[in-house]
Amino acid sequence: MMSEGGSDGDVGSQGDSVDAFGFLKKKPSGTSQGNSKIPAEVDAQSSSKAVTNDDPDRYKMDYPCIGHCLIINNKNFHPGTGMKYRSGTDVDAAAAMKIFSRLGYKMKIANDQTVAQMTQLLLSFSREDHSNCASFVCVLLSHGDEGKIFGTDGHVELTDLTKYFKGAPCRSLVGKPKLFFIQACRGTDLDDGTTLQTDSEPEEASARIPVEADFLYAYSTAPGYYSWRNTSNGSWFMQALCEMLERHSKQLELMQIMTRVNRKVALDFESCSDLPGFSAKKQIPSIVSMLTKDFYFPR
């Protein structure tokens, strides 16, 4: 479907926006030189066998609490950053709050956080005792670039936020899934899409593990690309993520759910923008998994 929405405050732009880093750094295809300086708002059901505590291929989920979910929702940015107001992000935050709360997570949402505040939040969560928790979730909604996420006053390397959960700094989450969902641009490339042609119808307690193990990073877009956000309905990625979690969390394993998120974003969305060269663009999320077991949400 074509994705449409109301004005988001961009000069000459309506409908879909992108969560990108600063201004357009290159001329999109079909864009005249006179427009190259227009600022872009950068923005079948599986088997259902019973879960057992001793299944070595599944994360243990029968803790007193499924875990904490932190949502950082950045909408307004300091003028010095060159970042635009992110219309539609509150829709994303509300949808994420609703679904992860329904899944049993203890929720915290923080709006318009500086880099220092974001860093302190993640550090504080990593220092909490997660012994009675099965997992940890963080949803980041902001502008971005490859490897970077924006606070309201500048950007920070994503690794500088996630490092607090790796190994010794967060012992109570070692061996447990840590899930990061990131709605932000990762560059300035635009995906023109292509035509699909087809002939088919539509472990042990004493084991040593890597500090990078048991992380999942679900990025809204592939490396180097813009990430689209509708000013009325929220970002394509968060719309798809929340819908698929709502629909499949009681039956499917997490990576199966994320594959359905990828499919929905890839097939159901296409940009509609007043900016020359920004219409009829596509997007595909990128799921980077270092999970070592299957992740099923508790029923």
C-alpha atoms as a PDB file:
ATOM      1  CA  MET A   1       0.000   0.000   0.000  1.00  0.00           C
ATOM      2  CA  MET A   2       1.049   3.581  -0.449  1.00  0.00           C
ATOM      3  CA  SER A   3       1.851   5.164   2.875  1.00  0.00           C
ATOM      4  CA  GLU A   4       0.408   8.619   3.343  1.00  0.00           C
ATOM      5  CA  GLY A   5       0.153  11.095   6.183  1.00  0.00           C
ATOM      6  CA  GLY A   6      -0.236  14.721   7.137  1.00  0.00           C
ATOM      7  CA  SER A   7       2.338  17.507   7.168  1.00  0.00           C
ATOM      8  CA  ASP A   8       5.271  16.989   9.509  1.00  0.00           C
ATOM      9  CA  GLY A   9       6.669  20.485   9.424  1.00  0.00           C
ATOM     10  CA  ASP A  10       9.309  19.920   6.731  1.00  0.00           C
ATOM     11  CA  VAL A  11       9.687  22.574   4.053  1.00  0.00           C
ATOM     12  CA  GLY A  12       7.750  21.284   1.056  1.00  0.00           C
ATOM     13  CA  SER A  13       7.284  17.837   2.593  1.00  0.00           C
ATOM     14  CA  GLN A  14       4.158  15.920   3.483  1.00  0.00           C
ATOM     15  CA  GLY A  15       3.432  12.324   4.360  1.00  0.00           C
ATOM     16  CA  ASP A  16       6.460  10.110   4.886  1.00  0.00           C
ATOM     17  CA  SER A  17       9.673  11.332   6.480  1.00  0.00           C
ATOM     18  CA  VAL A  18      13.038   9.775   7.157  1.00  0.00           C
ATOM     19  CA  ASP A  19      15.016   9.407  10.378  1.00  0.00           C
ATOM     20  CA  ALA A  20      18.368  10.426   8.934  1.00  0.00           C
ATOM     21  CA  PHE A  21      21.560  12.158   9.945  1.00  0.00           C
ATOM     22  CA  GLY A  22      21.365  15.903   9.234  1.00  0.00           C
ATOM     23  CA  PHE A  23      20.754  17.168   5.747  1.00  0.00           C
ATOM     24  CA  LEU A  24      20.593  15.368   2.426  1.00  0.00           C
ATOM     25  CA  LYS A  25      24.184  14.467   1.681  1.00  0.00           C
ATOM     26  CA  LYS A  26      23.620  13.514  -1.916  1.00  0.00           C
ATOM     27  CA  LYS A  27      21.105  14.150  -4.635  1.00  0.00           C
ATOM     28  CA  PRO A  28      18.380  11.489  -4.763  1.00  0.00           C
ATOM     29  CA  SER A  29      17.586   9.995  -8.151  1.00  0.00           C
ATOM     30  CA  GLY A  30      15.259  12.258 -10.068  1.00  0.00           C
ATOM     31  CA  THR A  31      15.991  15.291  -7.868  1.00  0.00           C
ATOM     32  CA  SER A  32      17.084  18.543  -9.494  1.00  0.00           C
ATOM     33  CA  GLN A  33      20.182  20.360  -8.324  1.00  0.00           C
ATOM     34  CA  GLY A  34      17.983  23.115  -6.966  1.00  0.00           C
ATOM     35  CA  ASN A  35      16.393  20.722  -4.534  1.00  0.00           C
ATOM     36  CA  SER A  36      19.589  19.077  -3.329  1.00  0.00           C
ATOM     37  CA  LYS A  37      19.817  21.381  -0.318  1.00  0.00           C
ATOM     38  CA  ILE A  38      16.317  20.727   0.979  1.00  0.00           C
ATOM     39  CA  PRO A  39      16.719  19.489   4.569  1.00  0.00           C
ATOM     40  CA  ALA A  40      15.317  16.009   5.088  1.00  0.00           C
ATOM     41  CA  GLU A  41      13.579  15.148   8.311  1.00  0.00           C
ATOM     42  CA  VAL A  42      15.394  12.191   9.175  1.00  0.00           C
ATOM     43  CA  ASP A  43      13.766  10.935  10.054  1.00  0.00           C
ATOM     44  CA  ALA A  44       0.816 -20.452   9.479  1.00  0.00           C
ATOM     45  CA  GLN A  45       1.157 -21.066  12.985  1.00  0.00           C
ATOM     46  CA  SER A  46       4.083 -23.118  14.316  1.00  0.00           C
ATOM     47  CA  SER A  47       3.933 -26.170  16.548  1.00  0.00           C
ATOM     48  CA  SER A  48       2.975 -25.265  20.100  1.00  0.00           C
ATOM     49  CA  LYS A  49       4.732 -27.829  22.249  1.00  0.00           C
ATOM     50  CA  ALA A  50       4.811 -27.065  25.932  1.00  0.00           C
ATOM     51  CA  VAL A  51       7.749 -25.054  27.216  1.00  0.00           C
ATOM     52  CA  THR A  52       9.889 -26.966  29.689  1.00  0.00           C
ATOM     53  CA  ASN A  53      12.408 -25.529  32.101  1.00  0.00           C
ATOM     54  CA  ASP A  54      15.156 -27.903  30.942  1.00  0.00           C
ATOM     55  CA  ASP A  55      14.846 -27.429  27.166  1.00  0.00           C
ATOM     56  CA  PRO A  56      18.447 -26.591  26.154  1.00  0.00           C
ATOM     57  CA  ASP A  57      17.317 -24.926  22.932  1.00  0.00           C
ATOM     58  CA  ARG A  58      14.961 -22.398  24.541  1.00  0.00           C
ATOM     59  CA  TYR A  59      15.639 -19.471  26.801  1.00  0.00           C
ATOM     60  CA  LYS A  60      14.289 -20.068  30.282  1.00  0.00           C
ATOM     61  CA  MET A  61      11.241 -17.832  30.681  1.00  0.00           C
ATOM     62  CA  ASP A  62       9.636 -19.021  33.934  1.00  0.00           C
ATOM     63  CA  TYR A  63      11.085 -16.214  36.035  1.00  0.00           C
ATOM     64  CA  PRO A  64       8.895 -14.115  38.336  1.00  0.00           C
ATOM     65  CA  CYS A  65       9.113 -11.296  35.743  1.00  0.00           C
ATOM     66  CA  ILE A  66       9.684 -11.368  31.997  1.00  0.00           C
ATOM     67  CA  GLY A  67      11.820  -8.243  32.406  1.00  0.00           C
ATOM     68  CA  HIS A  68      12.091  -4.500  31.998  1.00  0.00           C
ATOM     69  CA  CYS A  69      11.387  -2.547  28.816  1.00  0.00           C
ATOM     70  CA  LEU A  70      12.947   0.882  28.371  1.00  0.00           C
ATOM     71  CA  ILE A  71      11.621   3.163  25.615  1.00  0.00           C
ATOM     72  CA  ILE A  72      13.651   6.249  24.683  1.00  0.00           C
ATOM     73  CA  ASN A  73      11.531   8.520  22.510  1.00  0.00           C
ATOM     74  CA  ASN A  74      13.355  11.549  21.088  1.00  0.00           C
ATOM     75  CA  LYS A  75      11.164  14.028  19.224  1.00  0.00           C
ATOM     76  CA  ASN A  76      12.607  17.513  19.741  1.00  0.00           C
ATOM     77  CA  PHE A  77      16.251  18.332  19.029  1.00  0.00           C
ATOM     78  CA  HIS A  78      18.605  21.192  19.791  1.00  0.00           C
ATOM     79  CA  PRO A  79      18.969  23.504  16.753  1.00  0.00           C
ATOM     80  CA  GLY A  80      22.721  22.966  16.755  1.00  0.00           C
ATOM     81  CA  THR A  81      22.276  19.306  15.807  1.00  0.00           C
ATOM     82  CA  GLY A  82      20.529  20.140  12.519  1.00  0.00           C
ATOM     83  CA  MET A  83      17.933  17.507  13.385  1.00  0.00           C
ATOM     84  CA  LYS A  84      14.246  18.060  12.665  1.00  0.00           C
ATOM     85  CA  TYR A  85      11.191  17.458  14.843  1.00  0.00           C
ATOM     86  CA  ARG A  86      10.111  13.790  14.524  1.00  0.00           C
ATOM     87  CA  SER A  87       6.377  13.862  13.836  1.00  0.00           C
ATOM     88  CA  GLY A  88       4.708  10.518  14.428  1.00  0.00           C
ATOM     89  CA  THR A  89       7.204   9.214  16.974  1.00  0.00           C
ATOM     90  CA  ASP A  90       4.685   9.453  19.833  1.00  0.00           C
ATOM     91  CA  VAL A  91       2.494   6.990  17.937  1.00  0.00           C
ATOM     92  CA  ASP A  92       5.435   4.574  17.873  1.00  0.00           C
ATOM     93  CA  ALA A  93       6.125   5.048  21.578  1.00  0.00           C
ATOM     94  CA  ALA A  94       2.473   4.473  22.512  1.00  0.00           C
ATOM     95  CA  ALA A  95       2.265   1.339  20.371  1.00  0.00           C
ATOM     96  CA  ALA A  96       5.478  -0.070  21.863  1.00  0.00           C
ATOM     97  CA  MET A  97       4.285   0.748  25.374  1.00  0.00           C
ATOM     98  CA  LYS A  98       0.999  -1.052  24.723  1.00  0.00           C
ATOM     99  CA  ILE A  99       2.386  -4.280  23.253  1.00  0.00           C
ATOM    100  CA  PHE A 100       5.355  -4.766  25.590  1.00  0.00           C
ATOM    101  CA  SER A 101       3.160  -4.010  28.587  1.00  0.00           C
ATOM    102  CA  ARG A 102       0.720  -6.665  27.371  1.00  0.00           C
ATOM    103  CA  LEU A 103       3.610  -9.097  27.086  1.00  0.00           C
ATOM    104  CA  GLY A 104       4.301  -8.527  30.780  1.00  0.00           C
ATOM    105  CA  TYR A 105       7.255  -6.141  30.781  1.00  0.00           C
ATOM    106  CA  LYS A 106       7.737  -3.497  33.436  1.00  0.00           C
ATOM    107  CA  MET A 107       7.700  -0.315  31.388  1.00  0.00           C
ATOM    108  CA  LYS A 108       9.662   2.906  31.528  1.00  0.00           C
ATOM    109  CA  ILE A 109       9.485   5.615  28.881  1.00  0.00           C
ATOM    110  CA  ALA A 110      11.846   8.570  28.668  1.00  0.00           C
ATOM    111  CA  ASN A 111      11.174  11.434  26.258  1.00  0.00           C
ATOM    112  CA  ASP A 112      13.631  13.864  24.678  1.00  0.00           C
ATOM    113  CA  GLN A 113      16.821  12.571  26.255  1.00  0.00           C
ATOM    114  CA  THR A 114      20.230  14.154  25.786  1.00  0.00           C
ATOM    115  CA  VAL A 115      23.211  11.919  25.051  1.00  0.00           C
ATOM    116  CA  ALA A 116      24.231  12.123  28.712  1.00  0.00           C
ATOM    117  CA  GLN A 117      20.725  11.235  29.868  1.00  0.00           C
ATOM    118  CA  MET A 118      20.488   8.292  27.475  1.00  0.00           C
ATOM    119  CA  THR A 119      23.848   7.014  28.635  1.00  0.00           C
ATOM    120  CA  GLN A 120      22.896   7.360  32.303  1.00  0.00           C
ATOM    121  CA  LEU A 121      19.589   5.569  31.728  1.00  0.00           C
ATOM    122  CA  LEU A 122      21.207   2.555  30.098  1.00  0.00           C
ATOM    123  CA  LEU A 123      23.939   2.504  32.739  1.00  0.00           C
ATOM    124  CA  SER A 124      21.336   2.619  35.526  1.00  0.00           C
ATOM    125  CA  PHE A 125      19.333  -0.243  34.010  1.00  0.00           C
ATOM    126  CA  SER A 126      22.474  -2.333  33.612  1.00  0.00           C
ATOM    127  CA  ARG A 127      23.267  -1.867  37.296  1.00  0.00           C
ATOM    128  CA  GLU A 128      19.868  -3.090  38.444  1.00  0.00           C
ATOM    129  CA  ASP A 129      19.408  -6.639  39.723  1.00  0.00           C
ATOM    130  CA  HIS A 130      17.780  -8.640  36.913  1.00  0.00           C
ATOM    131  CA  SER A 131      18.074 -11.974  38.725  1.00  0.00           C
ATOM    132  CA  ASN A 132      14.292 -12.439  38.747  1.00  0.00           C
ATOM    133  CA  CYS A 133      13.909 -11.333  35.119  1.00  0.00           C
ATOM    134  CA  ALA A 134      13.959 -13.443  31.962  1.00  0.00           C
ATOM    135  CA  SER A 135      15.081 -10.726  29.541  1.00  0.00           C
ATOM    136  CA  PHE A 136      15.628  -7.043  28.847  1.00  0.00           C
ATOM    137  CA  VAL A 137      14.144  -4.881  26.069  1.00  0.00           C
ATOM    138  CA  CYS A 138      15.178  -1.425  24.884  1.00  0.00           C
ATOM    139  CA  VAL A 139      13.318   0.513  22.179  1.00  0.00           C
ATOM    140  CA  LEU A 140      15.204   3.479  20.702  1.00  0.00           C
ATOM    141  CA  LEU A 141      13.193   6.005  18.663  1.00  0.00           C
ATOM    142  CA  SER A 142      15.316   8.813  17.278  1.00  0.00           C
ATOM    143  CA  HIS A 143      17.360  10.188  14.402  1.00  0.00           C
ATOM    144  CA  GLY A 144      20.471   8.260  13.480  1.00  0.00           C
ATOM    145  CA  ASP A 145      23.255   7.388  11.101  1.00  0.00           C
ATOM    146  CA  GLU A 146      25.228   4.176  10.623  1.00  0.00           C
ATOM    147  CA  GLY A 147      26.281   3.013  14.080  1.00  0.00           C
ATOM    148  CA  LYS A 148      24.940   6.190  15.712  1.00  0.00           C
ATOM    149  CA  ILE A 149      21.795   7.212  17.568  1.00  0.00           C
ATOM    150  CA  PHE A 150      20.849  10.795  18.404  1.00  0.00           C
ATOM    151  CA  GLY A 151      20.114  12.345  21.737  1.00  0.00           C
ATOM    152  CA  THR A 152      18.478  15.738  21.671  1.00  0.00           C
ATOM    153  CA  ASP A 153      21.874  17.470  21.769  1.00  0.00           C
ATOM    154  CA  GLY A 154      24.045  15.248  19.566  1.00  0.00           C
ATOM    155  CA  HIS A 155      24.825  11.662  18.664  1.00  0.00           C
ATOM    156  CA  VAL A 156      26.393   8.700  20.418  1.00  0.00           C
ATOM    157  CA  GLU A 157      27.731   5.386  19.154  1.00  0.00           C
ATOM    158  CA  LEU A 158      25.162   2.657  19.706  1.00  0.00           C
ATOM    159  CA  THR A 159      27.900   0.440  21.125  1.00  0.00           C
ATOM    160  CA  ASP A 160      28.496   3.035  23.823  1.00  0.00           C
ATOM    161  CA  LEU A 161      24.945   2.422  25.052  1.00  0.00           C
ATOM    162  CA  THR A 162      24.831  -1.361  24.749  1.00  0.00           C
ATOM    163  CA  LYS A 163      28.259  -2.021  26.275  1.00  0.00           C
ATOM    164  CA  TYR A 164      26.842  -1.754  29.798  1.00  0.00           C
ATOM    165  CA  PHE A 165      24.927  -5.009  29.279  1.00  0.00           C
ATOM    166  CA  LYS A 166      27.875  -7.089  28.100  1.00  0.00           C
ATOM    167  CA  GLY A 167      29.341  -9.549  30.574  1.00  0.00           C
ATOM    168  CA  ALA A 168      30.626  -8.410  33.969  1.00  0.00           C
ATOM    169  CA  PRO A 169      28.944  -4.953  34.027  1.00  0.00           C
ATOM    170  CA  CYS A 170      25.553  -6.708  34.055  1.00  0.00           C
ATOM    171  CA  ARG A 171      26.046 -10.163  35.553  1.00  0.00           C
ATOM    172  CA  SER A 172      22.335 -10.734  36.254  1.00  0.00           C
ATOM    173  CA  LEU A 173      21.552 -10.668  32.511  1.00  0.00           C
ATOM    174  CA  VAL A 174      24.394 -12.957  31.408  1.00  0.00           C
ATOM    175  CA  GLY A 175      22.925 -15.797  29.358  1.00  0.00           C
ATOM    176  CA  LYS A 176      19.583 -13.997  29.060  1.00  0.00           C
ATOM    177  CA  PRO A 177      18.220 -12.326  25.929  1.00  0.00           C
ATOM    178  CA  LYS A 178      18.794  -8.593  25.558  1.00  0.00           C
ATOM    179  CA  LEU A 179      16.640  -7.169  22.772  1.00  0.00           C
ATOM    180  CA  PHE A 180      17.243  -3.765  21.177  1.00  0.00           C
ATOM    181  CA  PHE A 181      14.713  -2.386  18.681  1.00  0.00           C
ATOM    182  CA  ILE A 182      16.098   0.653  16.866  1.00  0.00           C
ATOM    183  CA  GLN A 183      13.982   3.034  14.792  1.00  0.00           C
ATOM    184  CA  ALA A 184      16.499   5.380  13.187  1.00  0.00           C
ATOM    185  CA  CYS A 185      18.216   6.006   9.873  1.00  0.00           C
ATOM    186  CA  ARG A 186      21.523   4.297   9.114  1.00  0.00           C
ATOM    187  CA  GLY A 187      22.631   6.470   6.203  1.00  0.00           C
ATOM    188  CA  THR A 188      21.264   8.447   3.263  1.00  0.00           C
ATOM    189  CA  ASP A 189      20.668   5.809   0.592  1.00  0.00           C
ATOM    190  CA  LEU A 190      17.163   5.402  -0.830  1.00  0.00           C
ATOM    191  CA  ASP A 191      15.760   2.001  -1.834  1.00  0.00           C
ATOM    192  CA  ASP A 192      14.078   2.194  -5.243  1.00  0.00           C
ATOM    193  CA  GLY A 193      12.707  -1.329  -4.950  1.00  0.00           C
ATOM    194  CA  THR A 194      12.569  -3.947  -7.686  1.00  0.00           C
ATOM    195  CA  THR A 195       9.980  -6.228  -9.270  1.00  0.00           C
ATOM    196  CA  LEU A 196       9.461  -9.649  -7.741  1.00  0.00           C
ATOM    197  CA  GLN A 197       8.940 -12.466 -10.237  1.00  0.00           C
ATOM    198  CA  THR A 198       7.929 -15.851  -8.877  1.00  0.00           C
ATOM    199  CA  ASP A 199       6.486 -19.131 -10.074  1.00  0.00           C
ATOM    200  CA  SER A 200       4.909 -19.885  -6.720  1.00  0.00           C
ATOM    201  CA  GLU A 201       1.736 -18.694  -5.097  1.00  0.00           C
ATOM    202  CA  PRO A 202       1.455 -15.870  -3.005  1.00  0.00           C
ATOM    203  CA  GLU A 203      23.635 -24.120  28.247  1.00  0.00           C
ATOM    204  CA  GLU A 204      25.445 -25.119  31.341  1.00  0.00           C
ATOM    205  CA  ALA A 205      25.754 -22.682  34.366  1.00  0.00           C
ATOM    206  CA  SER A 206      29.558 -22.975  34.434  1.00  0.00           C
ATOM    207  CA  ALA A 207      30.063 -22.508  30.699  1.00  0.00           C
ATOM    208  CA  ARG A 208      32.064 -19.587  29.380  1.00  0.00           C
ATOM    209  CA  ILE A 209      30.201 -17.543  26.775  1.00  0.00           C
ATOM    210  CA  PRO A 210      31.158 -14.520  24.628  1.00  0.00           C
ATOM    211  CA  VAL A 211      30.233 -11.125  26.068  1.00  0.00           C
ATOM    212  CA  GLU A 212      28.462 -10.347  22.780  1.00  0.00           C
ATOM    213  CA  ALA A 213      26.211 -13.417  23.101  1.00  0.00           C
ATOM    214  CA  ASP A 214      22.450 -13.277  23.679  1.00  0.00           C
ATOM    215  CA  PHE A 215      21.885  -9.894  22.037  1.00  0.00           C
ATOM    216  CA  LEU A 216      19.403  -9.103  19.305  1.00  0.00           C
ATOM    217  CA  TYR A 217      19.582  -5.811  17.404  1.00  0.00           C
ATOM    218  CA  ALA A 218      16.489  -5.205  15.295  1.00  0.00           C
ATOM    219  CA  TYR A 219      17.234  -2.218  13.068  1.00  0.00           C
ATOM    220  CA  SER A 220      14.420  -0.510  11.202  1.00  0.00           C
ATOM    221  CA  THR A 221      16.446  -0.401   7.996  1.00  0.00           C
ATOM    222  CA  ALA A 222      19.439  -1.945   6.248  1.00  0.00           C
ATOM    223  CA  PRO A 223      22.937  -0.442   6.717  1.00  0.00           C
ATOM    224  CA  GLY A 224      23.399   2.808   4.819  1.00  0.00           C
ATOM    225  CA  TYR A 225      19.707   3.491   4.208  1.00  0.00           C
ATOM    226  CA  TYR A 226      17.065   5.956   5.274  1.00  0.00           C
ATOM    227  CA  SER A 227      14.334   4.760   7.634  1.00  0.00           C
ATOM    228  CA  TRP A 228      10.800   5.927   6.851  1.00  0.00           C
ATOM    229  CA  ARG A 229       8.339   7.330   9.370  1.00  0.00           C
ATOM    230  CA  ASN A 230       4.771   8.330   8.575  1.00  0.00           C
ATOM    231  CA  THR A 231       3.813  11.570  10.279  1.00  0.00           C
ATOM    232  CA  SER A 232       0.358  10.295  11.227  1.00  0.00           C
ATOM    233  CA  ASN A 233       0.727   6.538  11.683  1.00  0.00           C
ATOM    234  CA  GLY A 234       4.285   6.282  12.974  1.00  0.00           C
ATOM    235  CA  SER A 235       7.289   4.535  11.465  1.00  0.00           C
ATOM    236  CA  TRP A 236       6.852   1.618   9.083  1.00  0.00           C
ATOM    237  CA  PHE A 237       9.078  -0.602  11.214  1.00  0.00           C
ATOM    238  CA  MET A 238       7.342   0.066  14.532  1.00  0.00           C
ATOM    239  CA  GLN A 239       3.898  -0.343  12.962  1.00  0.00           C
ATOM    240  CA  ALA A 240       4.920  -3.746  11.611  1.00  0.00           C
ATOM    241  CA  LEU A 241       6.767  -4.813  14.769  1.00  0.00           C
ATOM    242  CA  CYS A 242       3.870  -4.057  17.112  1.00  0.00           C
ATOM    243  CA  GLU A 243       1.321  -5.679  14.781  1.00  0.00           C
ATOM    244  CA  MET A 244       3.348  -8.881  14.391  1.00  0.00           C
ATOM    245  CA  LEU A 245       4.031  -9.120  18.135  1.00  0.00           C
ATOM    246  CA  GLU A 246       0.336  -8.673  18.818  1.00  0.00           C
ATOM    247  CA  ARG A 247      -0.594 -11.310  16.265  1.00  0.00           C
ATOM    248  CA  HIS A 248       2.077 -13.971  16.783  1.00  0.00           C
ATOM    249  CA  SER A 249       3.683 -13.648  20.236  1.00  0.00           C
ATOM    250  CA  LYS A 250       1.657 -16.540  21.660  1.00  0.00           C
ATOM    251  CA  GLN A 251       2.695 -19.002  18.947  1.00  0.00           C
ATOM    252  CA  LEU A 252       5.887 -18.102  17.123  1.00  0.00           C
ATOM    253  CA  GLU A 253       9.549 -17.870  18.066  1.00  0.00           C
ATOM    254  CA  LEU A 254      11.003 -14.350  18.016  1.00  0.00           C
ATOM    255  CA  MET A 255      13.051 -14.742  14.830  1.00  0.00           C
ATOM    256  CA  GLN A 256       9.961 -16.074  13.049  1.00  0.00           C
ATOM    257  CA  ILE A 257       8.107 -12.976  14.203  1.00  0.00           C
ATOM    258  CA  MET A 258      10.902 -10.705  13.009  1.00  0.00           C
ATOM    259  CA  THR A 259      10.886 -12.386   9.596  1.00  0.00           C
ATOM    260  CA  ARG A 260       7.214 -11.481   9.325  1.00  0.00           C
ATOM    261  CA  VAL A 261       8.089  -7.908  10.325  1.00  0.00           C
ATOM    262  CA  ASN A 262      10.618  -7.820   7.485  1.00  0.00           C
ATOM    263  CA  ARG A 263       8.042  -9.111   5.024  1.00  0.00           C
ATOM    264  CA  LYS A 264       5.374  -6.622   6.057  1.00  0.00           C
ATOM    265  CA  VAL A 265       7.703  -3.626   5.825  1.00  0.00           C
ATOM    266  CA  ALA A 266       9.103  -4.828   2.490  1.00  0.00           C
ATOM    267  CA  LEU A 267       5.764  -5.497   0.808  1.00  0.00           C
ATOM    268  CA  ASP A 268       3.113  -3.341   2.474  1.00  0.00           C
ATOM    269  CA  PHE A 269       4.790   0.072   2.539  1.00  0.00           C
ATOM    270  CA  GLU A 270       5.930   2.550  -0.095  1.00  0.00           C
ATOM    271  CA  SER A 271       6.797   6.200   0.431  1.00  0.00           C
ATOM    272  CA  CYS A 272       4.585   9.087  -0.624  1.00  0.00           C
ATOM    273  CA  SER A 273       6.378  12.434  -0.329  1.00  0.00           C
ATOM    274  CA  ASP A 274       6.191  15.932  -1.809  1.00  0.00           C
ATOM    275  CA  LEU A 275       9.999  16.023  -1.962  1.00  0.00           C
ATOM    276  CA  PRO A 276      11.220  15.260  -5.493  1.00  0.00           C
ATOM    277  CA  GLY A 277      12.882  11.877  -5.683  1.00  0.00           C
ATOM    278  CA  PHE A 278      11.498  10.679  -2.364  1.00  0.00           C
ATOM    279  CA  SER A 279       8.295   8.960  -3.512  1.00  0.00           C
ATOM    280  CA  ALA A 280       7.827   5.263  -4.338  1.00  0.00           C
ATOM    281  CA  LYS A 281      10.749   4.231  -2.101  1.00  0.00           C
ATOM    282  CA  LYS A 282      10.974   0.984  -0.167  1.00  0.00           C
ATOM    283  CA  GLN A 283      12.576  -0.255   3.053  1.00  0.00           C
ATOM    284  CA  ILE A 284      13.756  -3.511   4.610  1.00  0.00           C
ATOM    285  CA  PRO A 285      14.600  -3.942   8.306  1.00  0.00           C
ATOM    286  CA  SER A 286      17.837  -5.623   9.339  1.00  0.00           C
ATOM    287  CA  ILE A 287      17.793  -8.157  12.165  1.00  0.00           C
ATOM    288  CA  VAL A 288      21.175  -8.899  13.721  1.00  0.00           C
ATOM    289  CA  SER A 289      20.982 -11.816  16.123  1.00  0.00           C
ATOM    290  CA  MET A 290      23.549 -13.123  18.541  1.00  0.00           C
ATOM    291  CA  LEU A 291      20.876 -15.076  20.391  1.00  0.00           C
ATOM    292  CA  THR A 292      21.993 -18.580  21.316  1.00  0.00           C
ATOM    293  CA  LYS A 293      18.569 -20.140  21.931  1.00  0.00           C
ATOM    294  CA  ASP A 294      15.002 -19.880  20.713  1.00  0.00           C
ATOM    295  CA  PHE A 295      13.046 -17.044  22.327  1.00  0.00           C
ATOM    296  CA  TYR A 296       9.355 -17.654  23.009  1.00  0.00           C
ATOM    297  CA  PHE A 297       7.287 -15.116  24.912  1.00  0.00           C
ATOM    298  CA  PRO A 298       5.436 -16.626  27.909  1.00  0.00           C
ATOM    299  CA  ARG A 299       1.788 -17.427  27.253  1.00  0.00           C
END
